[in-house]
Amino acid sequence: MTNADQCVRAILQTERLTEQSPEMAPIRTERERVKSLLTEAFGASGVSMRDGGSKAKNTMLKRDHDLDMLYYVHADNDRVGGTLKDIYDNVLGVLANHYDFTPGTTAVRLFAKGRARTGPGLRIDVVAGRFVEGSSGNVFLHQADGEKSRLMTNPDVHIAHVRDFHSHEAVCACKLWRVANGVRVKQFAFELLCIDLLEARRGMGLSAQVAAVLKDIGRTQSAPAIRDPANSGNNVSKLLTGASWADLQAAADHSVSLFATHGWEEIIPATVDVVDAPAVARASVSTGTGTKPWSC
């Protein structure tokens, strides 16, 4: 293990959220509250509730995290709603009485009543849908503003694809780089992209893997095809087009430009450092400052 590997690992370990982290207590409390509200409204039978997103994938970060709750109605249960839209609307109707919210394409994002919707604070994404068959496997989700009104996917496949990936630690480090540099792109698409780029880098050390991903992104002019392991017909790359890709590419290119003269504590800064894409072409962008609980 190189010094650079040790540095990246130390930065990552400082930021990782695990079941033992004290920050998990309010997450568990809110999870049980949402579960109780939905159970009271629709009953406990004929539905499955489980953790999704970064918690299930073991990629949660202290600096920026939310809780994904998957609420799936069994195929033969119409109690929550007859259609996918009904399920989405009825789940939202229950939770809207207790949380501020923002409806998304397939999920409802919840916030504590009266709390700011940006910055620190727990956010909860509730994804409601219906199993295609029985009570496990593929699910249909309502798409509020997608090209199609429904999307078929398999959350268990997505979770395992990330959680069990041979370079899982590198995926976590890439996510931390994205968050630390203020790059606002869809994490779902970004982590699938990182896995595709890391697939052939199994033998590299942690820092070399992250550097390779940043170099690949920085020299690529448009988002490559991104494979959705749960649905080959789902074009994930569309989530990283236009301004999203331009911002991601500019941030990656900027980080690559620092490799020769800066350490990883500047490339993955301790405070969020938003890279101004137009300014990258004109001048170097100052990195974030703050207390660094590591030494590189």
Protein backbone atom coordinates (compact mmCIF):
# COMPACT_ATOMS: atom_id res chain seq x y z
CA MET A 1 0.00 0.00 0.00
CA THR A 2 1.40 3.39 -1.00
CA ASN A 3 1.31 6.57 1.06
CA ALA A 4 -1.28 7.92 -1.37
CA ASP A 5 -3.47 4.86 -0.79
CA GLN A 6 -3.19 5.37 2.96
CA CYS A 7 -4.11 9.03 2.59
CA VAL A 8 -7.23 8.36 0.49
CA ARG A 9 -8.29 5.58 2.87
CA ALA A 10 -7.84 7.86 5.91
CA ILE A 11 -9.94 10.61 4.31
CA LEU A 12 -12.62 8.08 3.38
CA GLN A 13 -12.71 6.45 6.81
CA THR A 14 -13.25 9.86 8.41
CA GLU A 15 -16.30 10.42 6.21
CA ARG A 16 -17.93 6.97 6.12
CA LEU A 17 -21.17 6.29 7.98
CA THR A 18 -21.58 2.81 9.42
CA GLU A 19 -24.20 1.18 11.63
CA GLN A 20 -22.01 2.05 14.62
CA SER A 21 -21.75 5.77 13.78
CA PRO A 22 -23.65 8.04 16.20
CA GLU A 23 -25.22 9.81 13.22
CA MET A 24 -27.19 6.62 12.50
CA ALA A 25 -29.44 7.04 15.57
CA PRO A 26 -31.70 9.77 14.06
CA ILE A 27 -31.71 7.88 10.76
CA ARG A 28 -33.08 4.77 12.47
CA THR A 29 -35.62 6.88 14.39
CA GLU A 30 -37.03 8.50 11.25
CA ARG A 31 -37.05 5.20 9.40
CA GLU A 32 -39.27 3.69 12.08
CA ARG A 33 -41.52 6.76 12.06
CA VAL A 34 -42.11 6.54 8.30
CA LYS A 35 -42.67 2.80 8.58
CA SER A 36 -45.23 3.30 11.37
CA LEU A 37 -47.13 5.98 9.43
CA LEU A 38 -47.43 3.81 6.34
CA THR A 39 -48.30 0.71 8.35
CA GLU A 40 -51.03 2.59 10.20
CA ALA A 41 -52.48 3.80 6.90
CA PHE A 42 -52.22 0.65 4.77
CA GLY A 43 -51.46 -2.25 7.12
CA ALA A 44 -48.39 -4.46 7.35
CA SER A 45 -49.46 -7.31 5.08
CA GLY A 46 -49.05 -7.28 1.32
CA VAL A 47 -46.21 -4.75 1.35
CA SER A 48 -42.42 -4.94 1.71
CA MET A 49 -40.34 -2.17 3.27
CA ARG A 50 -36.56 -2.23 3.13
CA ASP A 51 -33.54 0.04 3.06
CA GLY A 52 -32.26 1.12 -0.32
CA GLY A 53 -29.79 3.61 -1.71
CA SER A 54 -26.49 4.34 -0.02
CA LYS A 55 -27.44 2.67 3.27
CA ALA A 56 -28.06 -0.68 1.59
CA LYS A 57 -25.03 -0.23 -0.69
CA ASN A 58 -22.77 0.70 2.27
CA THR A 59 -21.74 4.00 0.67
CA MET A 60 -23.21 6.50 3.15
CA LEU A 61 -21.17 9.62 3.92
CA LYS A 62 -21.39 11.89 6.95
CA ARG A 63 -21.03 14.99 4.81
CA ASP A 64 -23.98 14.35 2.53
CA HIS A 65 -26.46 11.56 3.05
CA ASP A 66 -30.09 10.65 2.83
CA LEU A 67 -32.16 7.61 3.69
CA ASP A 68 -33.78 5.66 0.87
CA MET A 69 -36.82 3.64 1.89
CA LEU A 70 -38.22 1.17 -0.61
CA TYR A 71 -41.96 0.63 -0.15
CA TYR A 72 -43.17 -2.03 -2.55
CA VAL A 73 -46.71 -3.33 -2.81
CA HIS A 74 -47.12 -7.02 -3.60
CA ALA A 75 -48.53 -7.79 -7.04
CA ASP A 76 -51.93 -8.94 -5.75
CA ASN A 77 -52.44 -6.10 -3.25
CA ASP A 78 -54.60 -3.14 -4.33
CA ARG A 79 -55.07 -1.74 -0.83
CA VAL A 80 -52.44 0.99 -1.26
CA GLY A 81 -53.66 1.85 -4.77
CA GLY A 82 -54.88 0.28 -7.97
CA THR A 83 -52.36 1.92 -10.29
CA LEU A 84 -48.73 2.96 -9.91
CA LYS A 85 -49.79 6.60 -9.84
CA ASP A 86 -52.35 5.83 -7.14
CA ILE A 87 -49.66 4.14 -5.03
CA TYR A 88 -47.32 7.12 -5.48
CA ASP A 89 -50.05 9.65 -4.67
CA ASN A 90 -51.50 7.75 -1.72
CA VAL A 91 -48.10 7.23 -0.06
CA LEU A 92 -47.34 10.92 -0.56
CA GLY A 93 -50.75 11.83 0.86
CA VAL A 94 -50.00 10.04 4.13
CA LEU A 95 -46.49 11.38 4.59
CA ALA A 96 -47.31 14.96 3.52
CA ASN A 97 -49.22 15.43 6.78
CA HIS A 98 -46.04 14.88 8.79
CA TYR A 99 -43.17 16.12 6.60
CA ASP A 100 -42.37 18.87 4.17
CA PHE A 101 -41.73 17.24 0.82
CA THR A 102 -40.59 17.55 -2.77
CA PRO A 103 -42.10 15.06 -5.26
CA GLY A 104 -39.53 13.56 -7.62
CA THR A 105 -39.70 11.46 -10.75
CA THR A 106 -39.99 8.14 -8.93
CA ALA A 107 -39.43 9.09 -5.27
CA VAL A 108 -40.83 11.50 -2.71
CA ARG A 109 -38.16 13.42 -0.79
CA LEU A 110 -39.13 14.21 2.80
CA PHE A 111 -37.76 16.93 5.07
CA ALA A 112 -38.41 17.71 8.72
CA LYS A 113 -41.24 20.22 9.06
CA GLY A 114 -39.98 23.77 8.84
CA ARG A 115 -36.35 22.79 8.25
CA ALA A 116 -34.15 24.07 5.41
CA ARG A 117 -34.10 21.82 2.37
CA THR A 118 -30.43 22.42 1.66
CA GLY A 119 -27.34 21.92 3.76
CA PRO A 120 -27.04 19.54 6.73
CA GLY A 121 -30.05 17.60 7.88
CA LEU A 122 -31.63 14.23 7.28
CA ARG A 123 -33.48 13.77 4.01
CA ILE A 124 -35.64 10.72 3.33
CA ASP A 125 -36.44 9.43 -0.16
CA VAL A 126 -39.44 7.11 -0.20
CA VAL A 127 -39.67 5.04 -3.37
CA ALA A 128 -43.09 3.44 -3.77
CA GLY A 129 -43.93 0.87 -6.41
CA ARG A 130 -45.37 -2.55 -7.14
CA PHE A 131 -43.68 -5.90 -7.62
CA VAL A 132 -44.13 -7.26 -11.14
CA GLU A 133 -44.87 -10.71 -9.73
CA GLY A 134 -45.46 -11.89 -6.19
CA SER A 135 -43.42 -10.14 -3.52
CA SER A 136 -39.81 -10.10 -4.76
CA GLY A 137 -37.65 -9.34 -7.78
CA ASN A 138 -38.53 -6.80 -10.45
CA VAL A 139 -40.70 -3.81 -9.57
CA PHE A 140 -42.65 -1.20 -11.49
CA LEU A 141 -42.23 2.44 -10.43
CA HIS A 142 -44.42 5.36 -11.41
CA GLN A 143 -42.51 8.05 -13.32
CA ALA A 144 -44.02 11.47 -12.69
CA ASP A 145 -42.14 13.25 -15.47
CA GLY A 146 -40.28 10.57 -17.41
CA GLU A 147 -40.58 9.61 -21.06
CA LYS A 148 -42.73 6.67 -19.95
CA SER A 149 -45.25 6.64 -17.13
CA ARG A 150 -43.64 3.57 -15.55
CA LEU A 151 -40.18 2.10 -15.17
CA MET A 152 -39.31 -1.52 -14.49
CA THR A 153 -36.22 -2.08 -12.38
CA ASN A 154 -34.79 -4.37 -9.72
CA PRO A 155 -33.47 -2.61 -6.60
CA ASP A 156 -31.84 -5.75 -5.24
CA VAL A 157 -29.73 -6.04 -8.40
CA HIS A 158 -28.66 -2.37 -8.13
CA ILE A 159 -27.75 -2.75 -4.47
CA ALA A 160 -25.72 -5.93 -5.00
CA HIS A 161 -24.02 -4.43 -8.08
CA VAL A 162 -22.49 -1.67 -5.93
CA ARG A 163 -22.21 -3.36 -2.53
CA ASP A 164 -20.48 -6.48 -3.86
CA PHE A 165 -18.29 -4.80 -6.49
CA HIS A 166 -14.64 -5.87 -6.23
CA SER A 167 -13.50 -2.23 -5.91
CA HIS A 168 -16.31 -1.05 -3.62
CA GLU A 169 -13.91 1.14 -1.60
CA ALA A 170 -12.89 3.01 -4.77
CA VAL A 171 -16.57 3.64 -5.64
CA CYS A 172 -17.01 5.15 -2.16
CA ALA A 173 -13.91 7.31 -2.62
CA CYS A 174 -15.16 8.54 -6.00
CA LYS A 175 -18.50 9.44 -4.43
CA LEU A 176 -16.68 11.37 -1.69
CA TRP A 177 -14.65 13.20 -4.36
CA ARG A 178 -17.91 14.19 -6.12
CA VAL A 179 -19.52 15.43 -2.91
CA ALA A 180 -16.37 17.23 -1.69
CA ASN A 181 -16.08 19.10 -4.99
CA GLY A 182 -19.75 20.09 -5.12
CA VAL A 183 -20.51 18.24 -8.35
CA ARG A 184 -24.30 17.97 -8.53
CA VAL A 185 -24.98 14.95 -10.69
CA LYS A 186 -27.22 11.94 -10.14
CA GLN A 187 -25.41 9.55 -7.82
CA PHE A 188 -27.19 6.54 -9.34
CA ALA A 189 -25.71 7.26 -12.77
CA PHE A 190 -22.35 8.37 -11.37
CA GLU A 191 -21.73 5.19 -9.38
CA LEU A 192 -22.68 2.99 -12.36
CA LEU A 193 -20.24 5.02 -14.48
CA CYS A 194 -17.48 4.59 -11.88
CA ILE A 195 -18.05 0.83 -11.75
CA ASP A 196 -17.81 0.61 -15.53
CA LEU A 197 -14.56 2.61 -15.48
CA LEU A 198 -13.13 0.61 -12.56
CA GLU A 199 -13.96 -2.80 -13.98
CA ALA A 200 -10.56 -3.19 -15.66
CA ARG A 201 -8.60 -1.64 -12.74
CA ARG A 202 -8.91 -4.51 -10.28
CA GLY A 203 -5.14 -4.79 -9.66
CA MET A 204 -4.53 -1.09 -8.96
CA GLY A 205 -4.21 0.52 -5.54
CA LEU A 206 -7.02 2.70 -4.19
CA SER A 207 -5.52 6.07 -5.12
CA ALA A 208 -4.57 4.86 -8.61
CA GLN A 209 -8.11 3.62 -9.18
CA VAL A 210 -9.66 6.96 -8.22
CA ALA A 211 -7.10 8.83 -10.32
CA ALA A 212 -7.86 6.61 -13.33
CA VAL A 213 -11.60 7.34 -13.05
CA LEU A 214 -10.97 11.10 -12.89
CA LYS A 215 -8.63 10.96 -15.87
CA ASP A 216 -11.15 8.98 -17.91
CA ILE A 217 -13.94 11.43 -17.14
CA GLY A 218 -11.76 14.49 -17.69
CA ARG A 219 -10.76 13.47 -21.22
CA THR A 220 -14.20 12.29 -22.35
CA GLN A 221 -16.28 14.94 -24.11
CA SER A 222 -19.70 13.37 -23.54
CA ALA A 223 -21.18 10.76 -21.26
CA PRO A 224 -20.40 7.23 -22.45
CA ALA A 225 -23.02 4.50 -22.56
CA ILE A 226 -23.69 3.38 -19.00
CA ARG A 227 -24.96 -0.12 -18.34
CA ASP A 228 -27.96 -0.56 -16.07
CA PRO A 229 -27.49 -4.02 -14.51
CA ALA A 230 -31.20 -4.31 -13.74
CA ASN A 231 -32.69 -3.13 -17.05
CA SER A 232 -30.80 -3.18 -20.34
CA GLY A 233 -33.44 -0.93 -21.87
CA ASN A 234 -32.84 1.88 -19.38
CA ASN A 235 -30.55 4.54 -20.85
CA VAL A 236 -28.69 5.68 -17.74
CA SER A 237 -26.31 7.96 -19.64
CA LYS A 238 -29.17 10.41 -20.28
CA LEU A 239 -28.86 11.38 -16.61
CA LEU A 240 -25.35 12.72 -17.29
CA THR A 241 -25.86 14.79 -20.43
CA GLY A 242 -25.47 18.48 -21.21
CA ALA A 243 -24.56 20.71 -18.30
CA SER A 244 -24.34 17.76 -15.90
CA TRP A 245 -21.56 16.13 -17.88
CA ALA A 246 -19.83 19.47 -18.51
CA ASP A 247 -19.68 20.18 -14.76
CA LEU A 248 -18.51 16.65 -13.96
CA GLN A 249 -15.85 16.74 -16.67
CA ALA A 250 -14.61 20.20 -15.60
CA ALA A 251 -14.31 19.11 -11.96
CA ALA A 252 -12.49 15.89 -12.91
CA ASP A 253 -10.16 17.74 -15.27
CA HIS A 254 -9.39 20.28 -12.56
CA SER A 255 -8.56 17.54 -10.05
CA VAL A 256 -6.30 15.84 -12.58
CA SER A 257 -4.44 19.12 -13.03
CA LEU A 258 -3.63 19.06 -9.29
CA PHE A 259 -2.06 15.61 -9.24
CA ALA A 260 1.50 16.84 -9.86
CA THR A 261 1.53 19.57 -7.22
CA HIS A 262 -1.16 18.80 -4.63
CA GLY A 263 -2.00 15.96 -2.28
CA TRP A 264 -5.27 14.09 -1.96
CA GLU A 265 -6.33 16.36 0.92
CA GLU A 266 -6.69 19.15 -1.69
CA ILE A 267 -8.23 16.91 -4.35
CA ILE A 268 -10.81 15.64 -1.83
CA PRO A 269 -11.07 18.77 0.36
CA ALA A 270 -12.39 18.75 3.93
CA THR A 271 -15.05 21.33 3.05
CA VAL A 272 -17.18 21.35 -0.06
CA ASP A 273 -15.37 23.08 -2.93
CA VAL A 274 -17.67 23.90 -5.82
CA VAL A 275 -15.71 23.91 -9.06
CA ASP A 276 -16.79 26.80 -11.31
CA ALA A 277 -16.66 25.11 -14.72
CA PRO A 278 -16.05 28.28 -16.81
CA ALA A 279 -13.32 29.42 -14.43
CA VAL A 280 -11.40 26.18 -14.79
CA ALA A 281 -10.37 27.22 -18.26
CA ARG A 282 -9.11 30.60 -17.02
CA ALA A 283 -7.39 29.98 -13.71
CA SER A 284 -6.85 27.47 -10.98
CA VAL A 285 -9.71 27.16 -8.52
CA SER A 286 -8.89 27.49 -4.83
CA THR A 287 -9.52 24.38 -2.80
CA GLY A 288 -11.64 24.25 0.33
CA THR A 289 -10.10 24.81 3.71
CA GLY A 290 -10.92 23.38 7.09
CA THR A 291 -9.62 21.13 9.81
CA LYS A 292 -8.06 17.98 8.36
CA PRO A 293 -8.23 15.00 10.72
CA TRP A 294 -5.61 13.17 8.67
CA SER A 295 -2.01 13.69 7.59
CA CYS A 296 -0.85 13.09 4.01
